[in-house]
Amino acid sequence: MAALRKRSSTLTVIAICLLILLISGGLFTMYLTHTISSDAEIINKLGIIRGLIQRLVKLELAGVESNELIEGHRIQDKRI
């Protein structure tokens, strides 16, 4: 009977430790997601800018005047 109690208390301690690890892992994942979200926002904005530059260079090389396009994007994309 004493061996059964000892085994039961050992399993309880192991279960509590695993639960603590699970909760701390979840909290750490939430923290990393929050930290990385601002980096992802910056990368997305840089991608928009790169695409705009690429499009303007392509149009300029094709002989299309792009001054109006630059001004139009400056007005449209206030979020950048």
Protein backbone atom coordinates (compact mmCIF):
# COMPACT_ATOMS: atom_id res chain seq x y z
CA MET A 1 0.00 0.00 0.00
CA ALA A 2 2.87 2.38 0.81
CA ALA A 3 4.43 1.70 -2.59
CA LEU A 4 1.13 2.58 -4.28
CA ARG A 5 0.92 5.89 -2.41
CA LYS A 6 4.52 6.71 -3.25
CA ARG A 7 3.87 5.93 -6.91
CA SER A 8 0.68 8.01 -6.88
CA SER A 9 2.41 11.03 -5.36
CA THR A 10 5.28 10.70 -7.84
CA LEU A 11 2.84 10.66 -10.75
CA THR A 12 1.05 13.70 -9.29
CA VAL A 13 4.33 15.64 -9.07
CA ILE A 14 5.24 14.66 -12.64
CA ALA A 15 1.78 15.71 -13.87
CA ILE A 16 2.05 19.08 -12.13
CA CYS A 17 5.53 19.67 -13.59
CA LEU A 18 4.30 18.83 -17.07
CA LEU A 19 1.32 21.15 -16.65
CA ILE A 20 3.62 23.97 -15.56
CA LEU A 21 5.85 23.35 -18.59
CA LEU A 22 2.83 23.35 -20.89
CA ILE A 23 1.48 26.62 -19.51
CA SER A 24 4.89 28.33 -19.58
CA GLY A 25 5.43 27.14 -23.17
CA GLY A 26 2.07 28.60 -24.18
CA LEU A 27 2.84 31.93 -22.51
CA PHE A 28 6.26 32.04 -24.17
CA THR A 29 4.67 31.36 -27.56
CA MET A 30 2.21 34.21 -27.02
CA TYR A 31 5.08 36.54 -26.06
CA LEU A 32 7.07 35.61 -29.19
CA THR A 33 4.03 36.07 -31.42
CA HIS A 34 3.46 39.54 -29.98
CA THR A 35 7.14 40.46 -30.40
CA ILE A 36 7.37 39.21 -33.99
CA SER A 37 4.14 40.90 -35.13
CA SER A 38 5.80 44.33 -35.36
CA ASP A 39 8.66 42.83 -37.40
CA ALA A 40 6.16 41.23 -39.78
CA GLU A 41 4.41 44.57 -40.21
CA ILE A 42 7.69 46.26 -41.17
CA ILE A 43 8.58 43.48 -43.61
CA ASN A 44 5.15 43.76 -45.22
CA LYS A 45 5.51 47.54 -45.66
CA LEU A 46 8.98 47.10 -47.15
CA GLY A 47 7.56 44.58 -49.61
CA ILE A 48 4.94 47.10 -50.71
CA ILE A 49 7.63 49.74 -51.21
CA ARG A 50 9.84 47.29 -53.14
CA GLY A 51 6.94 46.36 -55.41
CA LEU A 52 6.15 50.02 -56.07
CA ILE A 53 9.78 50.78 -56.94
CA GLN A 54 9.96 47.73 -59.21
CA ARG A 55 6.77 48.78 -61.02
CA LEU A 56 7.93 52.37 -61.45
CA VAL A 57 11.31 51.29 -62.84
CA LYS A 58 9.62 48.89 -65.27
CA LEU A 59 7.30 51.64 -66.50
CA GLU A 60 10.15 54.14 -66.75
CA LEU A 61 12.22 51.70 -68.81
CA ALA A 62 9.19 51.14 -71.06
CA GLY A 63 9.03 54.87 -71.69
CA VAL A 64 5.92 55.61 -69.65
CA GLU A 65 6.06 58.84 -67.67
CA SER A 66 5.73 57.86 -64.03
CA ASN A 67 5.65 61.19 -62.18
CA GLU A 68 1.85 61.01 -61.91
CA LEU A 69 2.10 57.44 -60.66
CA ILE A 70 4.54 58.46 -57.94
CA GLU A 71 2.28 61.27 -56.77
CA GLY A 72 -0.78 59.00 -56.95
CA HIS A 73 0.86 56.34 -54.78
CA ARG A 74 2.06 58.94 -52.34
CA ILE A 75 -1.55 60.05 -51.89
CA GLN A 76 -3.05 56.52 -51.83
CA ASP A 77 -0.54 54.81 -49.55
CA LYS A 78 -0.60 56.98 -46.44
CA ARG A 79 -0.05 53.81 -44.39
CA ILE A 80 3.53 53.47 -45.69
